[in-house]
């Protein structure tokens, strides 16, 4: 089995790349959203830490944004609770799809959270910050302050690129990106 880890800045196009490689994807951001919507245990843990800021279940992302924007250390507090749950879901995913030829792990903080997977092939999605921000502005819950706090929580791009086996440049033009994806698939024999 080939395991590909997709990493890059927030909004760089990781999920697009992951979906173009295979349908067998573990998307950490989607898992986190499921946790916010369905995991009562997570809600109770967060409610204990932020009793006045979390007002309802399912958890409202805007409440989480306010918590993070109020104090950047709150992002770490949230991460300490949510990341172990995401890791548990990742283990289930790896077991379920262990017989597939190719799987993709779309985990933005793969390196930051020191997730070690034997023989993983890392692909960095490289996009210019101004293009990323222009794209993110169209998202419903985009908040520039939250974006900056979350970005500072990531390792430097230069470091991440050095750790990767491949870099895909994303200018948000499908033809340009798909050409690189096809070259990557040929190199990997998939």
N, C-alpha and C. Protein backbone atom coordinates (compact mmCIF):
# COMPACT_ATOMS: atom_id res chain seq x y z
N UNK A 1 0.84 -1.18 0.00
CA UNK A 1 0.00 0.00 0.00
C UNK A 1 0.89 1.25 0.00
N UNK A 2 0.45 2.23 -0.78
CA UNK A 2 1.14 3.53 -0.82
C UNK A 2 0.32 4.49 0.03
N UNK A 3 1.01 5.12 1.00
CA UNK A 3 0.36 6.11 1.85
C UNK A 3 0.97 7.46 1.53
N UNK A 4 0.11 8.40 1.13
CA UNK A 4 0.55 9.74 0.76
C UNK A 4 0.00 10.72 1.79
N UNK A 5 0.87 11.52 2.34
CA UNK A 5 0.46 12.58 3.26
C UNK A 5 0.52 13.91 2.55
N UNK A 6 -0.60 14.63 2.58
CA UNK A 6 -0.69 15.93 1.92
C UNK A 6 -0.61 17.01 3.00
N UNK A 7 0.38 17.90 2.86
CA UNK A 7 0.52 18.99 3.83
C UNK A 7 0.70 20.31 3.09
N UNK A 8 0.53 21.40 3.80
CA UNK A 8 0.67 22.73 3.21
C UNK A 8 -0.04 23.75 4.07
N UNK A 9 0.03 24.99 3.67
CA UNK A 9 -0.62 26.06 4.42
C UNK A 9 -2.15 25.89 4.40
N UNK A 10 -2.80 26.55 5.33
CA UNK A 10 -4.26 26.59 5.36
C UNK A 10 -4.74 27.19 4.05
N UNK A 11 -5.67 26.51 3.39
CA UNK A 11 -6.25 27.03 2.16
C UNK A 11 -5.40 26.87 0.92
N UNK A 12 -4.34 26.05 0.99
CA UNK A 12 -3.43 25.92 -0.16
C UNK A 12 -3.94 24.97 -1.24
N UNK A 13 -5.00 24.22 -0.95
CA UNK A 13 -5.56 23.30 -1.94
C UNK A 13 -5.26 21.84 -1.65
N UNK A 14 -4.97 21.52 -0.40
CA UNK A 14 -4.63 20.14 -0.01
C UNK A 14 -5.76 19.16 -0.32
N UNK A 15 -6.96 19.55 0.00
CA UNK A 15 -8.10 18.63 -0.19
C UNK A 15 -8.36 18.39 -1.66
N UNK A 16 -8.23 19.41 -2.49
CA UNK A 16 -8.38 19.23 -3.94
C UNK A 16 -7.37 18.20 -4.45
N UNK A 17 -6.11 18.35 -4.02
CA UNK A 17 -5.05 17.43 -4.44
C UNK A 17 -5.36 16.02 -3.95
N UNK A 18 -5.73 15.89 -2.68
CA UNK A 18 -6.03 14.58 -2.11
C UNK A 18 -7.15 13.88 -2.88
N UNK A 19 -8.21 14.61 -3.18
CA UNK A 19 -9.35 14.02 -3.90
C UNK A 19 -9.00 13.63 -5.33
N UNK A 20 -8.05 14.30 -5.93
CA UNK A 20 -7.63 13.97 -7.29
C UNK A 20 -6.74 12.72 -7.33
N UNK A 21 -6.11 12.39 -6.21
CA UNK A 21 -5.24 11.22 -6.17
C UNK A 21 -6.05 9.94 -5.98
N UNK A 22 -6.97 9.95 -5.01
CA UNK A 22 -7.79 8.77 -4.73
C UNK A 22 -9.02 9.18 -3.93
N UNK A 23 -10.03 8.33 -3.96
CA UNK A 23 -11.22 8.60 -3.14
C UNK A 23 -11.03 8.09 -1.71
N UNK A 24 -9.97 7.35 -1.47
CA UNK A 24 -9.69 6.81 -0.13
C UNK A 24 -8.82 7.81 0.65
N UNK A 25 -9.50 8.85 1.16
CA UNK A 25 -8.83 9.96 1.84
C UNK A 25 -9.25 10.05 3.29
N UNK A 26 -8.29 10.34 4.12
CA UNK A 26 -8.59 10.73 5.49
C UNK A 26 -8.41 12.23 5.55
N UNK A 27 -9.49 12.96 5.77
CA UNK A 27 -9.45 14.41 5.81
C UNK A 27 -9.62 14.86 7.26
N UNK A 28 -8.53 15.31 7.87
CA UNK A 28 -8.54 15.69 9.29
C UNK A 28 -9.51 16.84 9.56
N UNK A 29 -9.60 17.80 8.64
CA UNK A 29 -10.52 18.93 8.85
C UNK A 29 -11.98 18.45 8.90
N UNK A 30 -12.33 17.51 8.03
CA UNK A 30 -13.70 16.96 8.05
C UNK A 30 -13.95 16.19 9.34
N UNK A 31 -12.93 15.48 9.80
CA UNK A 31 -13.07 14.75 11.07
C UNK A 31 -13.32 15.71 12.23
N UNK A 32 -12.58 16.82 12.24
CA UNK A 32 -12.76 17.82 13.29
C UNK A 32 -14.18 18.39 13.24
N UNK A 33 -14.67 18.67 12.04
CA UNK A 33 -16.05 19.18 11.91
C UNK A 33 -17.07 18.18 12.42
N UNK A 34 -16.83 16.89 12.16
CA UNK A 34 -17.73 15.85 12.69
C UNK A 34 -17.72 15.85 14.21
N UNK A 35 -16.53 16.02 14.77
CA UNK A 35 -16.39 16.06 16.23
C UNK A 35 -17.19 17.22 16.80
N UNK A 36 -17.07 18.39 16.17
CA UNK A 36 -17.82 19.56 16.64
C UNK A 36 -19.33 19.31 16.59
N UNK A 37 -19.78 18.59 15.57
CA UNK A 37 -21.21 18.39 15.37
C UNK A 37 -21.80 17.21 16.14
N UNK A 38 -20.98 16.15 16.37
CA UNK A 38 -21.57 14.90 16.86
C UNK A 38 -20.98 14.35 18.15
N UNK A 39 -19.83 14.86 18.59
CA UNK A 39 -19.15 14.24 19.72
C UNK A 39 -19.48 14.97 21.02
N UNK A 40 -20.43 14.41 21.75
CA UNK A 40 -20.90 15.02 23.00
C UNK A 40 -19.79 15.03 24.07
N UNK A 41 -18.95 14.01 24.07
CA UNK A 41 -17.84 13.94 25.03
C UNK A 41 -16.88 15.11 24.81
N UNK A 42 -16.57 15.40 23.56
CA UNK A 42 -15.72 16.54 23.22
C UNK A 42 -16.39 17.84 23.69
N UNK A 43 -17.67 17.97 23.39
CA UNK A 43 -18.43 19.16 23.81
C UNK A 43 -18.32 19.36 25.32
N UNK A 44 -18.54 18.29 26.08
CA UNK A 44 -18.48 18.39 27.55
C UNK A 44 -17.09 18.80 28.03
N UNK A 45 -16.04 18.29 27.38
CA UNK A 45 -14.66 18.65 27.74
C UNK A 45 -14.39 20.13 27.47
N UNK A 46 -14.84 20.60 26.32
CA UNK A 46 -14.62 22.00 25.94
C UNK A 46 -15.46 22.93 26.83
N UNK A 47 -16.66 22.49 27.13
CA UNK A 47 -17.56 23.29 27.97
C UNK A 47 -16.96 23.51 29.37
N UNK A 48 -16.23 22.51 29.87
CA UNK A 48 -15.57 22.65 31.18
C UNK A 48 -14.48 23.72 31.15
N UNK A 49 -13.76 23.80 30.05
CA UNK A 49 -12.66 24.75 29.93
C UNK A 49 -13.16 26.16 29.60
N UNK A 50 -14.20 26.21 28.76
CA UNK A 50 -14.76 27.50 28.32
C UNK A 50 -16.26 27.54 28.61
N UNK A 51 -16.65 27.53 29.89
CA UNK A 51 -18.07 27.41 30.24
C UNK A 51 -18.94 28.57 29.75
N UNK A 52 -18.38 29.77 29.69
CA UNK A 52 -19.18 30.92 29.27
C UNK A 52 -19.15 31.17 27.77
N UNK A 53 -18.19 30.56 27.08
CA UNK A 53 -18.04 30.82 25.64
C UNK A 53 -18.74 29.78 24.77
N UNK A 54 -18.83 28.54 25.26
CA UNK A 54 -19.51 27.48 24.50
C UNK A 54 -20.93 27.40 25.03
N UNK A 55 -21.89 27.71 24.17
CA UNK A 55 -23.27 27.84 24.64
C UNK A 55 -24.21 26.75 24.17
N UNK A 56 -23.80 25.98 23.14
CA UNK A 56 -24.75 24.98 22.63
C UNK A 56 -24.03 23.82 21.93
N UNK A 57 -24.78 22.75 21.77
CA UNK A 57 -24.32 21.58 21.02
C UNK A 57 -25.33 21.35 19.91
N UNK A 58 -24.89 21.10 18.68
CA UNK A 58 -23.50 21.03 18.21
C UNK A 58 -22.78 22.37 18.39
N UNK A 59 -21.46 22.26 18.48
CA UNK A 59 -20.62 23.43 18.74
C UNK A 59 -20.64 24.36 17.53
N UNK A 60 -20.80 25.63 17.80
CA UNK A 60 -20.81 26.67 16.78
C UNK A 60 -19.37 27.10 16.51
N UNK A 61 -18.94 27.00 15.25
CA UNK A 61 -17.57 27.37 14.89
C UNK A 61 -17.25 28.83 15.22
N UNK A 62 -18.26 29.69 15.15
CA UNK A 62 -18.02 31.10 15.46
C UNK A 62 -17.65 31.27 16.94
N UNK A 63 -18.24 30.45 17.80
CA UNK A 63 -17.85 30.49 19.22
C UNK A 63 -16.40 30.07 19.38
N UNK A 64 -15.99 29.05 18.64
CA UNK A 64 -14.59 28.61 18.70
C UNK A 64 -13.65 29.69 18.16
N UNK A 65 -14.07 30.36 17.09
CA UNK A 65 -13.26 31.46 16.55
C UNK A 65 -13.06 32.55 17.60
N UNK A 66 -14.14 32.91 18.30
CA UNK A 66 -14.03 33.95 19.33
C UNK A 66 -13.07 33.51 20.45
N UNK A 67 -13.13 32.23 20.82
CA UNK A 67 -12.24 31.70 21.85
C UNK A 67 -10.78 31.80 21.41
N UNK A 68 -10.50 31.40 20.18
CA UNK A 68 -9.14 31.44 19.65
C UNK A 68 -8.66 32.88 19.49
N UNK A 69 -9.54 33.75 18.99
CA UNK A 69 -9.17 35.15 18.78
C UNK A 69 -8.92 35.88 20.11
N UNK A 70 -9.60 35.45 21.16
CA UNK A 70 -9.44 36.08 22.48
C UNK A 70 -8.04 35.83 23.05
N UNK A 71 -7.54 34.60 22.82
CA UNK A 71 -6.23 34.22 23.35
C UNK A 71 -5.67 33.09 22.49
N UNK A 72 -4.54 33.36 21.84
CA UNK A 72 -3.97 32.36 20.93
C UNK A 72 -3.64 31.04 21.62
N UNK A 73 -3.39 31.06 22.93
CA UNK A 73 -3.11 29.82 23.67
C UNK A 73 -4.33 28.91 23.75
N UNK A 74 -5.50 29.47 23.53
CA UNK A 74 -6.71 28.66 23.54
C UNK A 74 -6.72 27.65 22.39
N UNK A 75 -6.03 27.97 21.30
CA UNK A 75 -5.93 27.03 20.18
C UNK A 75 -5.23 25.75 20.64
N UNK A 76 -4.19 25.90 21.43
CA UNK A 76 -3.46 24.73 21.96
C UNK A 76 -4.35 23.93 22.90
N UNK A 77 -5.14 24.62 23.73
CA UNK A 77 -6.05 23.94 24.64
C UNK A 77 -7.08 23.12 23.86
N UNK A 78 -7.62 23.69 22.80
CA UNK A 78 -8.58 22.96 21.96
C UNK A 78 -7.90 21.77 21.29
N UNK A 79 -6.68 21.99 20.79
CA UNK A 79 -5.93 20.94 20.11
C UNK A 79 -5.64 19.74 21.02
N UNK A 80 -5.34 20.01 22.28
CA UNK A 80 -5.05 18.91 23.21
C UNK A 80 -6.25 17.98 23.39
N UNK A 81 -7.43 18.51 23.18
CA UNK A 81 -8.63 17.68 23.33
C UNK A 81 -9.03 17.04 22.00
N UNK A 82 -8.99 17.81 20.93
CA UNK A 82 -9.49 17.31 19.64
C UNK A 82 -8.49 16.38 18.94
N UNK A 83 -7.18 16.64 19.05
CA UNK A 83 -6.19 15.86 18.30
C UNK A 83 -6.18 14.37 18.67
N UNK A 84 -6.28 13.99 19.95
CA UNK A 84 -6.35 12.55 20.25
C UNK A 84 -7.57 11.86 19.63
N UNK A 85 -8.67 12.57 19.53
CA UNK A 85 -9.87 12.00 18.92
C UNK A 85 -9.63 11.79 17.43
N UNK A 86 -9.00 12.77 16.80
CA UNK A 86 -8.68 12.66 15.36
C UNK A 86 -7.70 11.51 15.13
N UNK A 87 -6.71 11.36 15.99
CA UNK A 87 -5.74 10.25 15.88
C UNK A 87 -6.45 8.89 15.96
N UNK A 88 -7.42 8.79 16.84
CA UNK A 88 -8.18 7.54 16.98
C UNK A 88 -8.94 7.24 15.69
N UNK A 89 -9.52 8.27 15.08
CA UNK A 89 -10.23 8.09 13.81
C UNK A 89 -9.26 7.72 12.69
N UNK A 90 -8.06 8.30 12.72
CA UNK A 90 -7.03 7.97 11.74
C UNK A 90 -6.65 6.50 11.83
N UNK A 91 -6.48 5.99 13.05
CA UNK A 91 -6.16 4.56 13.23
C UNK A 91 -7.25 3.68 12.64
N UNK A 92 -8.50 4.03 12.87
CA UNK A 92 -9.63 3.26 12.30
C UNK A 92 -9.58 3.29 10.78
N UNK A 93 -9.30 4.47 10.22
CA UNK A 93 -9.22 4.63 8.77
C UNK A 93 -8.12 3.76 8.18
N UNK A 94 -6.93 3.81 8.80
CA UNK A 94 -5.80 3.02 8.30
C UNK A 94 -6.11 1.53 8.34
N UNK A 95 -6.77 1.08 9.37
CA UNK A 95 -7.14 -0.34 9.48
C UNK A 95 -8.19 -0.71 8.42
N UNK A 96 -9.20 0.13 8.27
CA UNK A 96 -10.29 -0.13 7.32
C UNK A 96 -9.79 -0.22 5.87
N UNK A 97 -8.85 0.65 5.51
CA UNK A 97 -8.39 0.72 4.12
C UNK A 97 -6.99 0.14 3.91
N UNK A 98 -6.57 -0.73 4.78
CA UNK A 98 -5.21 -1.29 4.72
C UNK A 98 -4.94 -2.12 3.47
N UNK A 99 -5.97 -2.58 2.80
CA UNK A 99 -5.79 -3.41 1.59
C UNK A 99 -5.85 -2.60 0.29
N UNK A 100 -6.08 -1.30 0.38
CA UNK A 100 -6.15 -0.46 -0.82
C UNK A 100 -4.74 -0.19 -1.35
N UNK A 101 -4.66 0.03 -2.66
CA UNK A 101 -3.36 0.29 -3.29
C UNK A 101 -2.80 1.65 -2.83
N UNK A 102 -3.68 2.66 -2.75
CA UNK A 102 -3.26 4.01 -2.40
C UNK A 102 -4.28 4.62 -1.44
N UNK A 103 -3.77 5.24 -0.38
CA UNK A 103 -4.63 6.07 0.46
C UNK A 103 -3.92 7.41 0.67
N UNK A 104 -4.73 8.43 0.95
CA UNK A 104 -4.18 9.76 1.16
C UNK A 104 -4.60 10.27 2.53
N UNK A 105 -3.65 10.88 3.21
CA UNK A 105 -3.91 11.50 4.50
C UNK A 105 -3.81 13.01 4.33
N UNK A 106 -4.95 13.66 4.36
CA UNK A 106 -5.04 15.11 4.25
C UNK A 106 -5.08 15.65 5.68
N UNK A 107 -3.88 15.82 6.24
CA UNK A 107 -3.75 16.21 7.65
C UNK A 107 -2.85 17.44 7.71
N UNK A 108 -3.44 18.63 7.82
CA UNK A 108 -2.65 19.86 7.80
C UNK A 108 -1.52 19.90 8.82
N UNK A 109 -1.74 19.35 10.02
CA UNK A 109 -0.72 19.42 11.07
C UNK A 109 -0.01 18.07 11.26
N UNK A 110 0.18 17.35 10.19
CA UNK A 110 0.82 16.04 10.24
C UNK A 110 2.20 16.11 10.89
N UNK A 111 3.02 17.05 10.46
CA UNK A 111 4.37 17.19 11.03
C UNK A 111 4.32 17.84 12.41
N UNK A 112 3.48 18.85 12.56
CA UNK A 112 3.40 19.56 13.85
C UNK A 112 2.98 18.63 14.98
N UNK A 113 2.10 17.67 14.68
CA UNK A 113 1.61 16.75 15.69
C UNK A 113 2.42 15.46 15.77
N UNK A 114 3.55 15.46 15.03
CA UNK A 114 4.48 14.34 15.10
C UNK A 114 3.82 12.99 14.83
N UNK A 115 2.95 12.97 13.83
CA UNK A 115 2.28 11.73 13.44
C UNK A 115 3.25 10.94 12.57
N UNK A 116 3.63 9.79 13.07
CA UNK A 116 4.62 8.96 12.36
C UNK A 116 3.91 7.78 11.70
N UNK A 117 4.09 7.68 10.38
CA UNK A 117 3.53 6.58 9.63
C UNK A 117 4.65 6.04 8.75
N UNK A 118 4.89 4.74 8.89
CA UNK A 118 5.99 4.10 8.18
C UNK A 118 5.83 4.25 6.66
N UNK A 119 6.92 4.63 6.01
CA UNK A 119 7.01 4.74 4.55
C UNK A 119 6.03 5.73 3.92
N UNK A 120 5.58 6.71 4.67
CA UNK A 120 4.66 7.71 4.11
C UNK A 120 5.40 8.57 3.09
N UNK A 121 4.72 8.90 2.02
CA UNK A 121 5.25 9.80 0.99
C UNK A 121 4.60 11.15 1.23
N UNK A 122 5.41 12.15 1.52
CA UNK A 122 4.87 13.47 1.83
C UNK A 122 4.86 14.37 0.60
N UNK A 123 3.72 15.04 0.40
CA UNK A 123 3.55 15.98 -0.71
C UNK A 123 3.17 17.32 -0.11
N UNK A 124 3.95 18.34 -0.43
CA UNK A 124 3.66 19.69 0.04
C UNK A 124 2.93 20.45 -1.06
N UNK A 125 1.80 21.05 -0.72
CA UNK A 125 1.05 21.88 -1.66
C UNK A 125 1.47 23.32 -1.41
N UNK A 126 2.13 23.89 -2.40
CA UNK A 126 2.74 25.22 -2.27
C UNK A 126 1.90 26.25 -3.03
N UNK A 127 1.40 27.23 -2.30
CA UNK A 127 0.62 28.30 -2.91
C UNK A 127 1.03 29.63 -2.29
N UNK A 128 0.90 30.70 -3.06
CA UNK A 128 1.26 32.03 -2.56
C UNK A 128 0.22 32.50 -1.55
N UNK A 129 0.69 33.12 -0.49
CA UNK A 129 -0.19 33.56 0.60
C UNK A 129 -1.29 34.49 0.11
N UNK A 130 -0.96 35.44 -0.77
CA UNK A 130 -1.99 36.38 -1.25
C UNK A 130 -3.08 35.64 -2.04
N UNK A 131 -2.71 34.62 -2.80
CA UNK A 131 -3.70 33.84 -3.54
C UNK A 131 -4.56 33.00 -2.59
N UNK A 132 -3.92 32.48 -1.55
CA UNK A 132 -4.65 31.71 -0.54
C UNK A 132 -5.70 32.59 0.15
N UNK A 133 -5.28 33.76 0.59
CA UNK A 133 -6.20 34.66 1.30
C UNK A 133 -7.36 35.07 0.40
N UNK A 134 -7.07 35.37 -0.86
CA UNK A 134 -8.15 35.71 -1.80
C UNK A 134 -9.16 34.58 -1.92
N UNK A 135 -8.66 33.34 -1.95
CA UNK A 135 -9.54 32.18 -2.04
C UNK A 135 -10.32 32.00 -0.74
N UNK A 136 -9.65 32.15 0.39
CA UNK A 136 -10.30 31.94 1.68
C UNK A 136 -11.38 32.96 1.98
N UNK A 137 -11.24 34.16 1.46
CA UNK A 137 -12.25 35.20 1.69
C UNK A 137 -13.65 34.79 1.23
N UNK A 138 -13.70 33.87 0.28
CA UNK A 138 -15.01 33.41 -0.21
C UNK A 138 -15.65 32.37 0.71
N UNK A 139 -14.90 31.85 1.67
CA UNK A 139 -15.45 30.87 2.62
C UNK A 139 -16.36 31.58 3.63
N UNK A 140 -17.40 30.88 4.02
CA UNK A 140 -18.43 31.44 4.90
C UNK A 140 -17.87 31.92 6.24
N UNK A 141 -17.05 31.14 6.88
CA UNK A 141 -16.57 31.46 8.23
C UNK A 141 -15.16 32.04 8.27
N UNK A 142 -14.68 32.58 7.15
CA UNK A 142 -13.30 33.09 7.13
C UNK A 142 -13.16 34.27 8.07
N UNK A 143 -12.11 34.22 8.89
CA UNK A 143 -11.79 35.30 9.82
C UNK A 143 -10.27 35.47 9.75
N UNK A 144 -9.83 36.64 9.31
CA UNK A 144 -8.40 36.86 9.08
C UNK A 144 -7.58 36.73 10.36
N UNK A 145 -8.11 37.17 11.50
CA UNK A 145 -7.38 37.07 12.76
C UNK A 145 -7.18 35.60 13.14
N UNK A 146 -8.23 34.80 13.00
CA UNK A 146 -8.13 33.36 13.29
C UNK A 146 -7.13 32.71 12.34
N UNK A 147 -7.19 33.08 11.08
CA UNK A 147 -6.26 32.55 10.07
C UNK A 147 -4.82 32.81 10.49
N UNK A 148 -4.52 34.04 10.92
CA UNK A 148 -3.16 34.38 11.31
C UNK A 148 -2.70 33.58 12.53
N UNK A 149 -3.59 33.41 13.51
CA UNK A 149 -3.25 32.64 14.71
C UNK A 149 -2.98 31.19 14.33
N UNK A 150 -3.85 30.62 13.49
CA UNK A 150 -3.67 29.22 13.09
C UNK A 150 -2.41 29.04 12.26
N UNK A 151 -2.10 29.99 11.41
CA UNK A 151 -0.90 29.91 10.58
C UNK A 151 0.36 29.93 11.44
N UNK A 152 0.34 30.74 12.49
CA UNK A 152 1.51 30.80 13.40
C UNK A 152 1.68 29.49 14.16
N UNK A 153 0.63 28.69 14.22
CA UNK A 153 0.67 27.40 14.90
C UNK A 153 1.34 26.32 14.03
N UNK A 154 1.58 26.65 12.76
CA UNK A 154 2.19 25.70 11.83
C UNK A 154 3.70 25.91 11.75
N UNK A 155 4.38 24.83 11.41
CA UNK A 155 5.82 24.92 11.16
C UNK A 155 6.07 25.77 9.91
N UNK A 156 7.26 26.36 9.80
CA UNK A 156 7.56 27.17 8.60
C UNK A 156 7.50 26.33 7.32
N UNK A 157 7.01 26.96 6.27
CA UNK A 157 6.89 26.28 4.97
C UNK A 157 8.21 25.73 4.47
N UNK A 158 9.28 26.47 4.67
CA UNK A 158 10.61 26.03 4.21
C UNK A 158 10.96 24.70 4.86
N UNK A 159 10.71 24.57 6.15
CA UNK A 159 10.99 23.32 6.87
C UNK A 159 10.12 22.18 6.33
N UNK A 160 8.84 22.47 6.14
CA UNK A 160 7.92 21.43 5.66
C UNK A 160 8.33 20.93 4.27
N UNK A 161 8.67 21.87 3.39
CA UNK A 161 9.07 21.48 2.03
C UNK A 161 10.28 20.56 2.05
N UNK A 162 11.25 20.85 2.94
CA UNK A 162 12.45 20.01 3.05
C UNK A 162 12.11 18.59 3.49
N UNK A 163 11.07 18.45 4.29
CA UNK A 163 10.66 17.14 4.80
C UNK A 163 9.87 16.33 3.78
N UNK A 164 9.43 16.99 2.71
CA UNK A 164 8.55 16.34 1.72
C UNK A 164 9.32 15.68 0.58
N UNK A 165 8.70 14.65 0.04
CA UNK A 165 9.25 13.95 -1.12
C UNK A 165 8.94 14.70 -2.41
N UNK A 166 7.80 15.39 -2.43
CA UNK A 166 7.34 16.10 -3.63
C UNK A 166 6.71 17.43 -3.22
N UNK A 167 6.77 18.39 -4.14
CA UNK A 167 6.10 19.68 -3.97
C UNK A 167 5.22 19.91 -5.19
N UNK A 168 3.96 20.23 -4.95
CA UNK A 168 3.06 20.60 -6.03
C UNK A 168 2.76 22.09 -5.88
N UNK A 169 3.02 22.85 -6.92
CA UNK A 169 2.75 24.28 -6.90
C UNK A 169 1.29 24.48 -7.31
N UNK A 170 0.58 25.26 -6.51
CA UNK A 170 -0.83 25.51 -6.79
C UNK A 170 -1.05 27.00 -7.03
N UNK A 171 -1.44 27.31 -8.27
CA UNK A 171 -1.81 28.67 -8.60
C UNK A 171 -3.33 28.78 -8.75
N UNK A 172 -4.04 27.72 -8.32
CA UNK A 172 -5.50 27.63 -8.33
C UNK A 172 -6.07 27.61 -9.75
N UNK A 173 -5.24 27.13 -10.69
CA UNK A 173 -5.70 26.88 -12.06
C UNK A 173 -5.61 25.37 -12.28
N UNK A 174 -6.77 24.75 -12.51
CA UNK A 174 -6.86 23.29 -12.53
C UNK A 174 -5.90 22.64 -13.53
N UNK A 175 -5.78 23.19 -14.71
CA UNK A 175 -4.92 22.59 -15.74
C UNK A 175 -3.47 22.51 -15.26
N UNK A 176 -2.99 23.59 -14.65
CA UNK A 176 -1.62 23.67 -14.14
C UNK A 176 -1.39 22.63 -13.04
N UNK A 177 -2.33 22.55 -12.11
CA UNK A 177 -2.21 21.62 -10.97
C UNK A 177 -2.37 20.18 -11.43
N UNK A 178 -3.35 19.92 -12.29
CA UNK A 178 -3.60 18.55 -12.75
C UNK A 178 -2.42 17.98 -13.53
N UNK A 179 -1.69 18.81 -14.24
CA UNK A 179 -0.51 18.35 -14.97
C UNK A 179 0.54 17.82 -13.97
N UNK A 180 0.75 18.56 -12.89
CA UNK A 180 1.70 18.13 -11.86
C UNK A 180 1.21 16.86 -11.15
N UNK A 181 -0.10 16.78 -10.93
CA UNK A 181 -0.67 15.59 -10.30
C UNK A 181 -0.45 14.35 -11.16
N UNK A 182 -0.66 14.50 -12.46
CA UNK A 182 -0.44 13.37 -13.38
C UNK A 182 1.02 12.94 -13.37
N UNK A 183 1.95 13.90 -13.32
CA UNK A 183 3.37 13.58 -13.24
C UNK A 183 3.69 12.85 -11.93
N UNK A 184 3.08 13.29 -10.83
CA UNK A 184 3.27 12.66 -9.53
C UNK A 184 2.76 11.22 -9.58
N UNK A 185 1.60 11.00 -10.16
CA UNK A 185 1.04 9.65 -10.23
C UNK A 185 1.93 8.72 -11.04
N UNK A 186 2.51 9.23 -12.12
CA UNK A 186 3.43 8.42 -12.93
C UNK A 186 4.65 8.04 -12.10
N UNK A 187 5.23 9.02 -11.41
CA UNK A 187 6.42 8.76 -10.58
C UNK A 187 6.14 7.72 -9.50
N UNK A 188 4.92 7.75 -8.96
CA UNK A 188 4.57 6.82 -7.88
C UNK A 188 3.99 5.50 -8.41
N UNK A 189 3.74 5.44 -9.70
CA UNK A 189 3.17 4.22 -10.28
C UNK A 189 1.73 3.97 -9.87
N UNK A 190 0.98 5.03 -9.77
CA UNK A 190 -0.45 4.86 -9.38
C UNK A 190 -1.39 5.40 -10.45
